[in-house]
Protein backbone atom coordinates (compact mmCIF):
# COMPACT_ATOMS: atom_id res chain seq x y z
CA MET A 1 -14.46 5.02 5.01
CA GLU A 2 -17.08 2.96 3.17
CA SER A 3 -15.64 4.19 -0.13
CA LEU A 4 -12.12 3.25 1.00
CA ARG A 5 -13.29 -0.26 1.90
CA GLY A 6 -14.75 -0.60 -1.59
CA LEU A 7 -11.50 0.57 -3.18
CA ARG A 8 -9.47 -1.86 -1.08
CA ALA A 9 -11.82 -4.74 -1.97
CA PHE A 10 -11.42 -3.90 -5.64
CA VAL A 11 -7.60 -3.58 -5.49
CA TYR A 12 -7.17 -6.83 -3.53
CA THR A 13 -9.41 -8.68 -6.00
CA ALA A 14 -7.55 -7.24 -8.99
CA GLU A 15 -4.17 -8.22 -7.56
CA LEU A 16 -5.10 -11.67 -6.26
CA GLY A 17 -7.53 -12.74 -8.96
CA SER A 18 -10.37 -13.99 -6.71
CA TYR A 19 -12.83 -12.88 -4.06
CA VAL A 20 -11.69 -15.68 -1.75
CA ALA A 21 -8.03 -14.59 -1.82
CA ALA A 22 -9.04 -10.93 -1.40
CA ALA A 23 -11.20 -11.87 1.58
CA ARG A 24 -8.34 -13.78 3.19
CA VAL A 25 -6.05 -10.71 3.00
CA SER A 26 -8.64 -8.17 4.13
CA GLY A 27 -10.11 -10.29 6.92
CA ILE A 28 -13.73 -10.23 5.76
CA SER A 29 -15.91 -12.72 3.91
CA SER A 30 -15.70 -13.32 0.18
CA SER A 31 -19.37 -12.38 -0.17
CA ALA A 32 -18.64 -9.02 1.46
CA ILE A 33 -15.82 -8.46 -1.04
CA ALA A 34 -18.11 -9.34 -3.94
CA LYS A 35 -20.83 -6.99 -2.68
CA SER A 36 -18.31 -4.12 -2.29
CA VAL A 37 -17.03 -4.59 -5.83
CA ALA A 38 -20.58 -4.83 -7.23
CA LYS A 39 -21.58 -1.64 -5.42
CA LEU A 40 -18.51 0.12 -6.80
CA GLU A 41 -19.42 -0.96 -10.34
CA ASP A 42 -22.97 0.34 -9.85
CA GLU A 43 -21.66 3.71 -8.64
CA LEU A 44 -19.25 4.02 -11.57
CA GLY A 45 -21.66 2.64 -14.17
CA VAL A 46 -19.02 0.34 -15.69
CA ARG A 47 -17.91 -3.29 -15.38
CA LEU A 48 -14.55 -3.53 -13.65
CA PHE A 49 -14.07 -7.29 -14.03
CA HIS A 50 -14.68 -9.99 -16.59
CA ARG A 51 -16.12 -12.88 -14.54
CA THR A 52 -16.25 -16.56 -15.42
CA THR A 53 -16.83 -19.61 -13.24
CA ARG A 54 -13.06 -20.11 -13.07
CA SER A 55 -11.44 -16.66 -13.09
CA ILE A 56 -11.78 -12.92 -12.64
CA GLY A 57 -9.91 -10.47 -14.87
CA LEU A 58 -9.87 -6.71 -15.23
CA THR A 59 -11.77 -5.02 -18.04
CA GLU A 60 -10.10 -2.14 -19.88
CA GLU A 61 -11.91 0.35 -17.64
CA GLY A 62 -11.04 -1.76 -14.61
CA ASN A 63 -7.34 -1.69 -15.47
CA VAL A 64 -7.34 2.12 -15.71
CA PHE A 65 -9.27 2.39 -12.45
CA TYR A 66 -6.93 -0.07 -10.72
CA GLU A 67 -3.83 2.06 -11.44
CA ARG A 68 -5.45 5.15 -9.93
CA CYS A 69 -6.84 3.29 -6.92
CA LYS A 70 -3.45 1.70 -6.21
CA PHE A 71 -1.84 5.15 -6.23
CA ILE A 72 -4.53 6.60 -3.94
CA LEU A 73 -4.27 3.78 -1.40
CA ASN A 74 -0.47 4.05 -1.36
CA GLU A 75 -0.73 7.80 -0.73
CA ILE A 76 -3.17 7.22 2.14
CA ARG A 77 -0.86 4.58 3.65
CA ASP A 78 2.14 6.90 3.41
CA ALA A 79 0.18 9.81 4.89
CA ARG A 80 -0.79 7.70 7.89
CA ALA A 81 2.78 6.53 8.35
CA LEU A 82 4.02 10.11 8.13
CA ILE A 83 1.60 11.30 10.80
CA ALA A 84 2.59 8.39 13.03
CA GLU A 85 6.27 9.24 12.65
CA THR A 86 5.75 12.87 13.70
CA ARG A 87 5.16 11.50 17.20
CA ILE A 88 8.37 9.46 17.14
CA THR A 89 11.85 10.79 17.92
CA PRO A 90 13.95 10.51 14.73
CA CYS A 91 16.29 7.56 15.09
CA GLY A 92 18.14 4.83 13.21
CA ARG A 93 20.86 4.67 10.59
CA LEU A 94 20.85 7.45 7.98
CA HIS A 95 22.91 6.81 4.85
CA ILE A 96 23.95 10.09 3.20
CA SER A 97 25.95 10.86 0.05
CA VAL A 98 27.50 14.30 -0.52
CA PRO A 99 30.03 15.75 -2.98
CA GLN A 100 33.51 16.20 -1.50
CA ILE A 101 33.53 20.00 -1.52
CA PHE A 102 29.99 20.30 -0.13
CA GLY A 103 30.79 17.82 2.60
CA HIS A 104 34.03 19.46 3.71
CA SER A 105 32.98 23.10 3.35
CA LEU A 106 29.27 23.12 4.26
CA LEU A 107 28.22 19.89 5.95
CA MET A 108 31.09 19.30 8.37
CA PRO A 109 30.84 22.73 10.09
CA ILE A 110 27.13 22.21 10.93
CA LEU A 111 27.30 18.48 11.66
CA PRO A 112 28.03 18.83 15.41
CA ARG A 113 24.78 20.78 15.86
CA PHE A 114 22.82 18.09 14.03
CA ILE A 115 24.36 15.34 16.19
CA GLU A 116 23.54 17.29 19.34
CA LYS A 117 19.95 17.84 18.23
CA TYR A 118 19.34 14.26 17.00
CA PRO A 119 21.54 11.94 19.11
CA ASP A 120 19.49 8.85 18.17
CA ILE A 121 20.32 9.11 14.45
CA GLN A 122 23.40 7.12 13.40
CA LEU A 123 25.07 8.81 10.43
CA ASP A 124 26.77 6.92 7.60
CA ILE A 125 28.18 9.58 5.25
CA ASP A 126 29.84 8.94 1.88
CA PHE A 127 31.92 11.72 0.32
CA GLU A 128 31.42 10.98 -3.40
CA ASP A 129 31.89 13.18 -6.47
CA ARG A 130 30.31 10.60 -8.77
CA VAL A 131 26.55 10.52 -9.40
CA VAL A 132 25.31 7.75 -7.12
CA ASP A 133 22.19 5.63 -7.68
CA LEU A 134 20.28 6.26 -4.45
CA ILE A 135 17.89 3.35 -4.86
CA ALA A 136 20.42 0.74 -5.99
CA GLU A 137 22.98 1.76 -3.36
CA GLY A 138 20.57 2.20 -0.45
CA ILE A 139 21.18 5.95 0.01
CA ASP A 140 18.53 7.70 2.12
CA VAL A 141 19.38 11.26 1.10
CA ALA A 142 22.02 12.91 -1.08
CA VAL A 143 23.22 16.30 -2.23
CA ARG A 144 23.35 16.86 -5.97
CA SER A 145 24.06 19.79 -8.26
CA GLY A 146 22.22 20.55 -11.48
CA GLU A 147 18.76 19.58 -12.64
CA LEU A 148 17.04 16.43 -11.36
CA ALA A 149 16.33 14.13 -14.32
CA ASP A 150 15.38 10.94 -12.43
CA ASN A 151 11.62 10.74 -11.81
CA ARG A 152 12.24 8.17 -9.05
CA LEU A 153 13.62 10.98 -6.91
CA VAL A 154 12.28 14.12 -5.30
CA SER A 155 14.30 17.15 -4.26
CA ARG A 156 14.46 20.26 -2.13
CA LYS A 157 16.48 23.08 -3.64
CA LEU A 158 19.08 24.67 -1.38
CA GLY A 159 20.02 27.48 -3.74
CA GLU A 160 22.00 28.51 -6.79
CA GLN A 161 25.72 27.78 -6.87
CA TYR A 162 27.75 30.94 -7.31
CA PHE A 163 31.45 30.94 -8.11
CA VAL A 164 34.01 33.70 -7.83
CA VAL A 165 37.28 34.44 -9.58
CA CYS A 166 39.97 35.41 -7.10
CA ALA A 167 43.68 35.82 -6.50
CA SER A 168 46.07 36.91 -3.75
CA ARG A 169 47.13 40.54 -3.38
CA GLU A 170 50.74 39.54 -3.99
CA TYR A 171 49.83 37.88 -7.28
CA LEU A 172 47.85 40.93 -8.43
CA LYS A 173 50.67 43.32 -7.53
CA THR A 174 53.01 41.31 -9.75
CA HIS A 175 50.70 40.42 -12.65
CA GLY A 176 48.08 43.19 -12.57
CA VAL A 177 44.31 43.16 -12.05
CA PRO A 178 42.12 41.71 -14.84
CA LEU A 179 39.40 44.20 -15.78
CA ASN A 180 37.21 41.75 -17.68
CA PRO A 181 37.23 37.97 -18.20
CA ALA A 182 39.09 38.26 -21.52
CA ASP A 183 42.10 39.65 -19.64
CA LEU A 184 42.53 36.26 -17.96
CA VAL A 185 44.19 34.86 -21.09
CA HIS A 186 47.28 36.76 -19.90
CA HIS A 187 47.17 35.29 -16.37
CA ARG A 188 48.08 32.02 -14.69
CA CYS A 189 44.74 30.20 -14.25
CA ILE A 190 44.01 27.50 -11.68
CA HIS A 191 41.42 24.96 -12.81
CA PHE A 192 39.31 22.21 -11.21
CA LYS A 193 39.14 18.76 -12.83
CA TYR A 194 36.21 16.44 -12.03
CA PRO A 195 37.69 13.30 -10.44
CA SER A 196 35.09 10.98 -11.97
CA SER A 197 35.46 12.13 -15.59
CA GLY A 198 38.66 14.14 -15.84
CA ARG A 199 36.68 16.99 -17.43
CA ILE A 200 37.89 20.52 -16.72
CA ALA A 201 35.16 22.62 -15.08
CA SER A 202 34.02 25.68 -17.01
CA TRP A 203 34.15 29.16 -15.50
CA ALA A 204 30.76 30.75 -14.87
CA PHE A 205 30.99 33.97 -16.87
CA SER A 206 28.15 35.84 -18.58
CA ALA A 207 27.34 34.97 -22.20
CA ASP A 208 29.85 37.32 -23.85
CA PHE A 209 32.74 35.49 -22.14
CA GLU A 210 31.43 31.94 -21.67
CA ASN A 211 33.71 30.28 -24.27
CA LEU A 212 37.06 31.74 -23.28
CA ASP A 213 40.09 29.52 -23.90
CA LEU A 214 41.87 30.13 -20.59
CA PRO A 215 45.46 29.06 -19.86
CA ARG A 216 45.70 25.81 -17.90
CA ASP A 217 48.74 26.49 -15.78
CA LEU A 218 47.52 24.50 -12.78
CA ILE A 219 44.85 21.78 -12.69
CA PHE A 220 43.64 20.08 -9.51
CA ASN A 221 40.97 17.45 -8.89
CA ASN A 222 40.48 18.93 -5.42
CA THR A 223 38.91 22.34 -4.77
CA HIS A 224 40.79 22.99 -1.54
CA ALA A 225 44.08 22.45 -3.37
CA GLY A 226 43.03 25.16 -5.82
CA LEU A 227 42.16 27.44 -2.92
CA ARG A 228 45.57 26.84 -1.33
CA ALA A 229 47.35 27.53 -4.61
CA ALA A 230 45.50 30.83 -5.05
CA ILE A 231 46.31 31.93 -1.49
CA ASP A 232 49.98 31.07 -2.13
CA GLY A 233 50.01 33.40 -5.15
CA SER A 234 50.21 30.69 -7.82
CA GLY A 235 47.51 32.17 -10.02
CA VAL A 236 43.87 33.13 -10.48
CA ALA A 237 41.31 30.57 -9.28
CA HIS A 238 37.61 29.98 -9.97
CA LEU A 239 36.08 28.78 -6.70
CA PRO A 240 32.65 28.28 -5.09
CA VAL A 241 31.81 31.36 -3.04
CA TYR A 242 31.42 29.32 0.14
CA VAL A 243 34.94 27.91 -0.31
CA ALA A 244 36.65 31.27 -0.85
CA GLU A 245 34.62 33.36 1.60
CA GLU A 246 36.82 32.81 4.67
CA ALA A 247 39.92 33.74 2.65
CA PHE A 248 38.19 36.98 1.62
CA GLU A 249 37.35 37.81 5.23
CA LYS A 250 40.97 37.22 6.25
CA GLU A 251 42.14 39.25 3.22
CA LEU A 252 44.12 36.30 1.89
CA LEU A 253 42.29 36.54 -1.45
CA VAL A 254 40.65 39.32 -3.46
CA PRO A 255 37.40 38.74 -5.41
CA LEU A 256 37.62 39.70 -9.10
CA LEU A 257 35.20 40.25 -11.98
CA THR A 258 32.14 39.73 -9.76
CA GLU A 259 29.88 41.67 -12.14
CA TYR A 260 30.53 39.07 -14.85
CA MET A 261 29.63 35.98 -12.80
CA LEU A 262 26.48 33.90 -13.32
CA PRO A 263 25.11 31.06 -11.15
CA LEU A 264 26.47 27.67 -12.22
CA GLY A 265 23.47 25.42 -11.57
CA SER A 266 21.55 24.72 -8.38
CA MET A 267 22.31 22.58 -5.33
CA SER A 268 19.59 20.29 -3.96
CA LEU A 269 18.89 17.62 -1.37
CA ILE A 270 17.36 14.53 -3.01
CA TRP A 271 15.75 11.30 -1.79
CA PRO A 272 13.79 8.39 -3.31
CA SER A 273 10.14 9.12 -4.12
CA ASN A 274 8.94 5.53 -3.79
CA ARG A 275 8.51 5.85 -0.04
CA HIS A 276 7.32 8.56 2.32
CA LEU A 277 9.79 10.96 3.88
CA SER A 278 10.84 9.19 7.09
CA SER A 279 11.37 11.16 10.28
CA LYS A 280 15.16 10.77 10.15
CA VAL A 281 15.34 11.94 6.53
CA ARG A 282 12.95 14.80 7.23
CA ALA A 283 15.07 15.83 10.24
CA PHE A 284 18.22 15.94 8.12
CA VAL A 285 16.60 17.71 5.16
CA ASP A 286 14.94 20.36 7.33
CA PHE A 287 18.08 20.93 9.40
CA VAL A 288 20.49 21.28 6.48
CA SER A 289 18.07 23.49 4.52
CA SER A 290 17.55 25.81 7.48
CA GLU A 291 21.24 26.04 8.38
CA LEU A 292 22.48 26.74 4.87
CA VAL A 293 19.75 29.21 3.94
CA GLN A 294 20.35 31.15 7.16
CA GLY A 295 24.08 31.04 6.53
CA ASN A 296 23.57 32.80 3.18
CA TYR A 297 25.95 30.40 1.42
CA PHE A 298 24.24 30.52 -1.96
CA THR A 299 24.60 34.17 -2.98
CA ASN A 300 26.75 36.06 -5.45
CA ILE A 301 29.90 37.41 -3.78
CA GLY A 302 29.27 40.65 -5.67
CA SER A 303 26.33 41.36 -3.34
CA GLN A 304 28.55 41.22 -0.26
CA THR A 305 30.78 43.94 1.17
CA LEU A 306 34.40 42.84 0.78
CA SER A 307 37.76 44.39 0.01
CA GLY A 308 37.94 44.75 -3.76
CA PRO A 309 40.88 44.54 -6.17
CA ASP A 310 41.30 48.30 -6.16
CA GLU A 311 42.65 47.93 -2.64
CA ALA A 312 45.14 45.22 -3.59
């Protein structure tokens, strides 16, 4: 604790530029601040401040030491706040951003259980396919696919996103069963278009088939529309496994070419790193992670037992 007091005295002095101002903030005398800083300099064997009769400024060594001390004190403050919040029931407004398909297919089915478990959390949920700026837009937690490139954010990976190529039995009886991805050039293909950019999503085949020029007979900017079209026999669709799974169980669709499919990036929960993980954010992150991992939503459909195309 004595060492922490010395670090605080040093940081306050560096930020406020005088012992008097540092003393006013910390609630002790200016002489006590000066003694703490002098003791710290003796222990380190370096001068931390340039001192004149009118001002105090950091030396080069002092500037380096200040950055590390500031980080350490912030971590200690956040750790204390985190421990305090573990004794508090999660509550308050929680602003969440999720992609449309994740929200409809994965979040909505488990949301009633979250509400029942945490009735004091008020949810404000945005269904957004664009990449939101969490900090600028005041988002507490979001779901994002792909790699995290923003060092202002931290993440918890939910799993790899697997897709599946599928069609209805009626379609396959009429048009035949593709035996490898290259056969799809002779089929009616149903594509997804990103609403924010208009870009057509690629199909997640292994390297030998990753650059296929597939027919674009039907293009939707909504995944559930693509699912509906495939069930209605309008063509072959490329869908997230968790979107198509119920249709497989009901034998409305048949999975195809599962041995050729690769994961198409990961799905993660993300939140700002510039503050500790609050109890309401932690509650949401832990709940969603547990529910979706237990639900086995992020696995290759080829590893599951389903009716195959040979039974179509």
